[in-house]
Amino acid sequence: MCELFGVCSKDCIPINNYLHQFYKHCEQHPHGWGLALMRENQSLIEKEAIKASESKELEKLLEKPIIVNHAFAHIRLATMGCQNSFNCHPFSRSDNTGRTWTLIHNGTVFKCGLLNQYMSQQIGQTDSERILLHIIDEINEKQEQKSLLLNEDELFNIIDNIISKLAKGNKLNLLLFNEDVVYAHSNYKNSLYYLNEDDKVFIATTPLSDEAWKEFPINRVISFKNGQLSKKGKVHNNEYEISQEDFEFIFEHVSPELKNTLLKSCGELNNAKECQCPYYKSGS
């Protein structure tokens, strides 16, 4: 239950207008905000566990021109993990070669026991952070098996395989950056959009302008480099559809504040589907 925004551009471009529009959605996503400005071999990350519109830090950041090649932004509606800065996106880690990976995620991992091993390693409590730790682990393992650095094709294949498998039974809208390439994935219809023109691409949960945004293709990993489409992964069949079981899982793990919101919006849990609860339908 979050929103994502990312940019990948060949040249440095101003993104303040998009960010202002994006953070306006915080009324529906009040539990935290994050911003990563990716430059060279590092991600400069700012994040707070408060509503974006109430953040003096974010206000100061947006007062100045933000001109970048790559950036990720996130606003959070807490379903998994308490409301603190450790659970706010973006998340960033380096692999054993020193390459920095940065991730933002919208969705919930319901079924993947493989990620449980990272609970003792993560800083926060979210399944999103565990996804990144798993990706780093897999990359390190493949790197150890090879004497040379993994090339772009090898990295893409690793990411493609991991995300395609994780998507089974889970909602997995995410953006991932590795200092060079942005990887994007969605497996839920009408939940991710993109705008691609003049060597730049913007990706967001909802269109952020009157420009010609298109729905992002679902059920495959797509990468972008220098503002252009780079690679397309294999199409998988793991389109997400929320179930009663998934809804009950979310309901049992959400914060008390969000649980009260769900009850107020939908009444009793057993009536959620019949009353067309927006949370039940969205699967966010």
Protein backbone atom coordinates (compact mmCIF):
# COMPACT_ATOMS: atom_id res chain seq x y z
CA MET A 1 0.00 0.00 0.00
CA CYS A 2 2.52 2.51 -1.24
CA GLU A 3 3.28 4.60 -4.31
CA LEU A 4 6.42 4.61 -6.43
CA PHE A 5 8.13 7.11 -8.69
CA GLY A 6 11.35 6.67 -10.64
CA VAL A 7 13.30 8.43 -13.34
CA CYS A 8 16.04 7.22 -15.67
CA SER A 9 17.54 9.79 -18.05
CA LYS A 10 20.55 10.02 -20.35
CA ASP A 11 21.14 13.63 -19.27
CA CYS A 12 20.52 15.38 -15.97
CA ILE A 13 16.99 16.78 -15.91
CA PRO A 14 14.88 18.74 -13.38
CA ILE A 15 12.25 16.62 -11.64
CA ASN A 16 10.77 18.99 -9.03
CA ASN A 17 7.41 19.27 -10.78
CA TYR A 18 6.96 15.50 -10.82
CA LEU A 19 8.05 15.19 -7.20
CA HIS A 20 5.66 17.91 -6.04
CA GLN A 21 2.78 16.13 -7.75
CA PHE A 22 3.87 12.73 -6.44
CA TYR A 23 4.13 13.78 -2.80
CA LYS A 24 0.67 15.34 -2.93
CA HIS A 25 -0.65 11.76 -2.79
CA CYS A 26 0.60 11.46 0.79
CA GLU A 27 -2.86 12.03 2.24
CA GLN A 28 -3.64 8.44 1.25
CA HIS A 29 -0.09 7.29 2.13
CA PRO A 30 0.74 9.11 5.37
CA HIS A 31 3.22 6.79 7.09
CA GLY A 32 6.47 7.92 5.53
CA TRP A 33 8.29 9.33 2.54
CA GLY A 34 11.62 8.66 0.88
CA LEU A 35 13.79 10.09 -1.87
CA ALA A 36 16.95 8.62 -3.41
CA LEU A 37 19.12 10.67 -5.74
CA MET A 38 21.50 8.28 -7.45
CA ARG A 39 24.84 9.76 -8.47
CA GLU A 40 27.87 7.81 -9.65
CA ASN A 41 28.41 4.94 -7.21
CA GLN A 42 26.16 6.02 -4.36
CA SER A 43 22.53 6.67 -3.52
CA LEU A 44 21.87 9.81 -1.49
CA ILE A 45 18.80 8.82 0.49
CA GLU A 46 16.53 10.93 2.66
CA LYS A 47 13.48 9.43 4.37
CA GLU A 48 11.22 10.02 7.35
CA ALA A 49 8.36 8.14 8.95
CA ILE A 50 5.94 11.07 8.76
CA LYS A 51 3.47 12.33 6.20
CA ALA A 52 5.30 14.01 3.33
CA SER A 53 3.22 17.18 3.60
CA GLU A 54 4.30 17.57 7.24
CA SER A 55 8.01 17.14 6.61
CA LYS A 56 10.18 20.24 6.94
CA GLU A 57 13.12 18.24 5.57
CA LEU A 58 11.26 17.36 2.37
CA GLU A 59 10.05 20.93 2.03
CA LYS A 60 13.67 22.14 2.12
CA LEU A 61 14.74 19.53 -0.43
CA LEU A 62 12.03 20.50 -2.88
CA GLU A 63 12.72 24.22 -2.57
CA LYS A 64 15.95 23.74 -4.52
CA PRO A 65 16.19 22.48 -8.11
CA ILE A 66 16.66 18.71 -8.19
CA ILE A 67 18.49 17.90 -11.41
CA VAL A 68 19.51 14.26 -11.81
CA ASN A 69 19.88 11.30 -14.16
CA HIS A 70 18.33 8.80 -11.77
CA ALA A 71 16.02 9.13 -8.79
CA PHE A 72 13.48 7.08 -6.82
CA ALA A 73 10.69 8.44 -4.62
CA HIS A 74 8.30 6.58 -2.34
CA ILE A 75 5.35 7.29 -0.06
CA ARG A 76 4.24 4.65 2.41
CA LEU A 77 0.99 3.29 3.74
CA ALA A 78 2.25 0.87 6.36
CA THR A 79 0.93 -2.66 6.06
CA MET A 80 4.01 -4.64 7.14
CA GLY A 81 6.29 -3.23 9.82
CA CYS A 82 5.73 -0.38 12.24
CA GLN A 83 5.92 3.28 11.34
CA ASN A 84 9.59 4.23 11.61
CA SER A 85 12.33 5.40 9.27
CA PHE A 86 13.93 1.93 9.09
CA ASN A 87 10.80 0.68 7.31
CA CYS A 88 10.60 3.59 4.88
CA HIS A 89 11.81 3.15 1.31
CA PRO A 90 14.16 3.38 -0.57
CA PHE A 91 16.41 0.60 0.65
CA SER A 92 20.04 0.43 -0.44
CA ARG A 93 22.81 -2.15 -0.09
CA SER A 94 26.12 -2.90 -1.81
CA ASP A 95 27.12 -6.25 -3.26
CA ASN A 96 30.57 -7.77 -2.75
CA THR A 97 32.00 -5.85 -5.69
CA GLY A 98 31.00 -2.51 -4.16
CA ARG A 99 28.14 -1.95 -6.58
CA THR A 100 25.23 -0.16 -4.87
CA TRP A 101 21.67 -1.46 -5.35
CA THR A 102 18.63 0.67 -4.50
CA LEU A 103 15.04 -0.61 -4.32
CA ILE A 104 11.51 0.68 -3.82
CA HIS A 105 8.50 -1.64 -3.66
CA ASN A 106 4.71 -1.44 -3.71
CA GLY A 107 3.00 -4.64 -2.66
CA THR A 108 3.11 -7.45 -0.16
CA VAL A 109 4.96 -10.75 -0.12
CA PHE A 110 2.47 -13.31 1.16
CA LYS A 111 4.15 -16.52 0.10
CA CYS A 112 7.93 -16.86 0.10
CA GLY A 113 9.55 -18.68 2.99
CA LEU A 114 12.90 -18.13 1.30
CA LEU A 115 12.87 -14.50 2.45
CA ASN A 116 12.42 -15.41 6.13
CA GLN A 117 16.13 -16.08 6.53
CA TYR A 118 16.78 -12.35 6.14
CA MET A 119 14.67 -11.31 9.12
CA SER A 120 17.72 -11.47 11.39
CA GLN A 121 19.84 -9.50 8.91
CA GLN A 122 17.53 -6.65 8.00
CA ILE A 123 17.50 -3.29 9.72
CA GLY A 124 13.74 -2.80 9.56
CA GLN A 125 10.79 -5.21 9.41
CA THR A 126 9.50 -5.05 5.84
CA ASP A 127 9.31 -7.75 3.20
CA SER A 128 10.60 -5.11 0.76
CA GLU A 129 13.97 -4.92 2.49
CA ARG A 130 14.17 -8.72 2.50
CA ILE A 131 13.65 -8.74 -1.28
CA LEU A 132 16.72 -6.54 -1.71
CA LEU A 133 18.80 -8.70 0.64
CA HIS A 134 17.84 -11.79 -1.34
CA ILE A 135 18.80 -10.14 -4.62
CA ILE A 136 22.19 -9.11 -3.21
CA ASP A 137 22.77 -12.64 -1.92
CA GLU A 138 22.04 -14.19 -5.30
CA ILE A 139 24.28 -11.71 -7.11
CA ASN A 140 27.13 -12.34 -4.67
CA GLU A 141 26.77 -16.09 -5.08
CA LYS A 142 26.86 -15.87 -8.88
CA GLN A 143 29.78 -13.45 -8.68
CA GLU A 144 31.78 -15.86 -6.54
CA GLN A 145 31.28 -18.55 -9.17
CA LYS A 146 32.86 -16.33 -11.82
CA SER A 147 36.35 -14.84 -11.80
CA LEU A 148 35.28 -11.77 -13.81
CA LEU A 149 32.61 -9.20 -12.97
CA LEU A 150 29.12 -10.15 -14.02
CA ASN A 151 28.20 -8.39 -17.25
CA GLU A 152 24.96 -6.55 -17.99
CA ASP A 153 23.27 -9.58 -19.56
CA GLU A 154 24.20 -11.84 -16.65
CA LEU A 155 22.91 -9.34 -14.10
CA PHE A 156 19.66 -8.95 -16.00
CA ASN A 157 19.12 -12.71 -16.14
CA ILE A 158 19.67 -13.01 -12.38
CA ILE A 159 17.20 -10.21 -11.63
CA ASP A 160 14.69 -11.58 -14.12
CA ASN A 161 14.76 -15.06 -12.57
CA ILE A 162 14.51 -13.80 -8.99
CA ILE A 163 11.62 -11.41 -9.60
CA SER A 164 9.68 -13.84 -11.79
CA LYS A 165 9.81 -16.43 -8.99
CA LEU A 166 9.00 -13.98 -6.21
CA ALA A 167 5.98 -12.74 -8.16
CA LYS A 168 4.14 -16.05 -7.69
CA GLY A 169 1.37 -15.43 -5.17
CA ASN A 170 2.69 -11.96 -4.31
CA LYS A 171 2.11 -8.41 -5.44
CA LEU A 172 5.46 -7.23 -6.74
CA ASN A 173 5.57 -3.74 -8.20
CA LEU A 174 9.14 -2.55 -7.78
CA LEU A 175 11.97 -0.44 -9.14
CA LEU A 176 15.61 -1.44 -8.72
CA PHE A 177 18.78 0.47 -9.66
CA ASN A 178 22.40 -0.73 -9.75
CA GLU A 179 24.36 2.48 -10.56
CA ASP A 180 23.76 1.94 -14.27
CA VAL A 181 20.44 0.24 -15.05
CA VAL A 182 16.89 0.63 -13.75
CA TYR A 183 14.90 -2.61 -13.53
CA ALA A 184 11.11 -2.32 -13.32
CA HIS A 185 8.39 -4.90 -12.73
CA SER A 186 4.64 -5.02 -12.19
CA ASN A 187 2.30 -7.98 -11.91
CA TYR A 188 -0.93 -6.13 -11.17
CA LYS A 189 -3.01 -4.40 -13.83
CA ASN A 190 -3.49 -0.62 -13.78
CA SER A 191 -1.00 -0.16 -10.94
CA LEU A 192 2.09 1.17 -12.72
CA TYR A 193 2.55 3.65 -15.60
CA TYR A 194 5.44 5.05 -17.61
CA LEU A 195 6.33 8.02 -19.80
CA ASN A 196 9.22 7.52 -22.22
CA GLU A 197 10.49 10.22 -24.59
CA ASP A 198 13.68 12.07 -25.55
CA ASP A 199 16.10 9.71 -23.78
CA LYS A 200 14.27 9.79 -20.47
CA VAL A 201 11.72 7.57 -18.81
CA PHE A 202 9.47 8.22 -15.83
CA ILE A 203 7.69 5.41 -13.98
CA ALA A 204 4.98 5.97 -11.38
CA THR A 205 2.07 4.28 -9.65
CA THR A 206 -0.25 6.83 -11.21
CA PRO A 207 0.39 9.36 -14.03
CA LEU A 208 1.85 12.58 -12.64
CA SER A 209 1.07 14.94 -15.51
CA ASP A 210 -1.15 15.43 -18.57
CA GLU A 211 1.52 13.87 -20.79
CA ALA A 212 1.08 10.60 -22.67
CA TRP A 213 1.63 8.10 -19.87
CA LYS A 214 1.04 4.44 -20.72
CA GLU A 215 0.26 1.44 -18.55
CA PHE A 216 3.44 -0.46 -17.72
CA PRO A 217 3.48 -4.01 -19.18
CA ILE A 218 2.78 -6.60 -16.52
CA ASN A 219 4.39 -9.96 -15.77
CA ARG A 220 7.89 -9.28 -17.05
CA VAL A 221 11.01 -7.46 -15.94
CA ILE A 222 12.00 -4.53 -18.15
CA SER A 223 15.26 -2.61 -17.81
CA PHE A 224 16.14 0.94 -18.84
CA LYS A 225 19.54 2.49 -19.47
CA ASN A 226 20.32 6.09 -20.42
CA GLY A 227 16.61 6.81 -20.59
CA GLN A 228 15.85 4.10 -23.12
CA LEU A 229 14.44 0.59 -22.95
CA SER A 230 17.37 -1.80 -22.62
CA LYS A 231 16.08 -5.36 -22.10
CA LYS A 232 12.84 -7.30 -21.70
CA GLY A 233 12.65 -10.42 -19.58
CA LYS A 234 10.61 -13.53 -20.22
CA VAL A 235 6.85 -13.22 -19.67
CA HIS A 236 5.68 -15.16 -16.61
CA ASN A 237 2.17 -16.17 -15.56
CA ASN A 238 2.27 -14.82 -12.02
CA GLU A 239 -0.24 -12.00 -12.34
CA TYR A 240 -1.39 -11.06 -8.86
CA GLU A 241 -5.02 -11.37 -7.79
CA ILE A 242 -5.80 -10.68 -4.16
CA SER A 243 -7.58 -13.46 -2.31
CA GLN A 244 -9.62 -13.55 0.88
CA GLU A 245 -6.62 -15.24 2.52
CA ASP A 246 -4.30 -12.44 1.44
CA PHE A 247 -6.71 -9.79 2.65
CA GLU A 248 -6.95 -11.48 6.04
CA PHE A 249 -3.15 -11.66 6.20
CA ILE A 250 -2.88 -7.92 5.56
CA PHE A 251 -5.64 -7.23 8.06
CA GLU A 252 -3.85 -9.20 10.79
CA HIS A 253 -0.49 -7.50 10.22
CA VAL A 254 -1.39 -3.85 9.59
CA SER A 255 -0.91 -1.12 12.12
CA PRO A 256 -3.84 -0.40 14.47
CA GLU A 257 -4.38 2.91 12.68
CA LEU A 258 -4.74 1.27 9.29
CA LYS A 259 -6.85 -1.56 10.72
CA ASN A 260 -9.32 1.02 12.03
CA THR A 261 -9.36 2.65 8.61
CA LEU A 262 -10.13 -0.69 6.98
CA LEU A 263 -12.94 -1.41 9.42
CA LYS A 264 -14.38 2.07 9.01
CA SER A 265 -14.28 1.80 5.23
CA CYS A 266 -15.52 -1.75 4.93
CA GLY A 267 -17.27 -2.78 8.10
CA GLU A 268 -16.77 -6.36 9.20
CA LEU A 269 -14.04 -8.33 7.43
CA ASN A 270 -16.52 -10.90 6.15
CA ASN A 271 -18.35 -8.13 4.29
CA ALA A 272 -15.24 -6.59 2.79
CA LYS A 273 -15.55 -8.20 -0.60
CA GLU A 274 -19.28 -7.62 -0.89
CA CYS A 275 -19.00 -3.94 -0.03
CA GLN A 276 -16.25 -3.48 -2.64
CA CYS A 277 -13.65 -2.38 -0.13
CA PRO A 278 -11.00 -0.37 -2.04
CA TYR A 279 -8.21 -2.11 -0.11
CA TYR A 280 -9.61 -5.52 -0.95
CA LYS A 281 -9.78 -4.61 -4.63
CA SER A 282 -6.43 -2.89 -4.90
CA GLY A 283 -4.17 -5.57 -3.51
CA SER A 284 -1.64 -2.86 -2.66
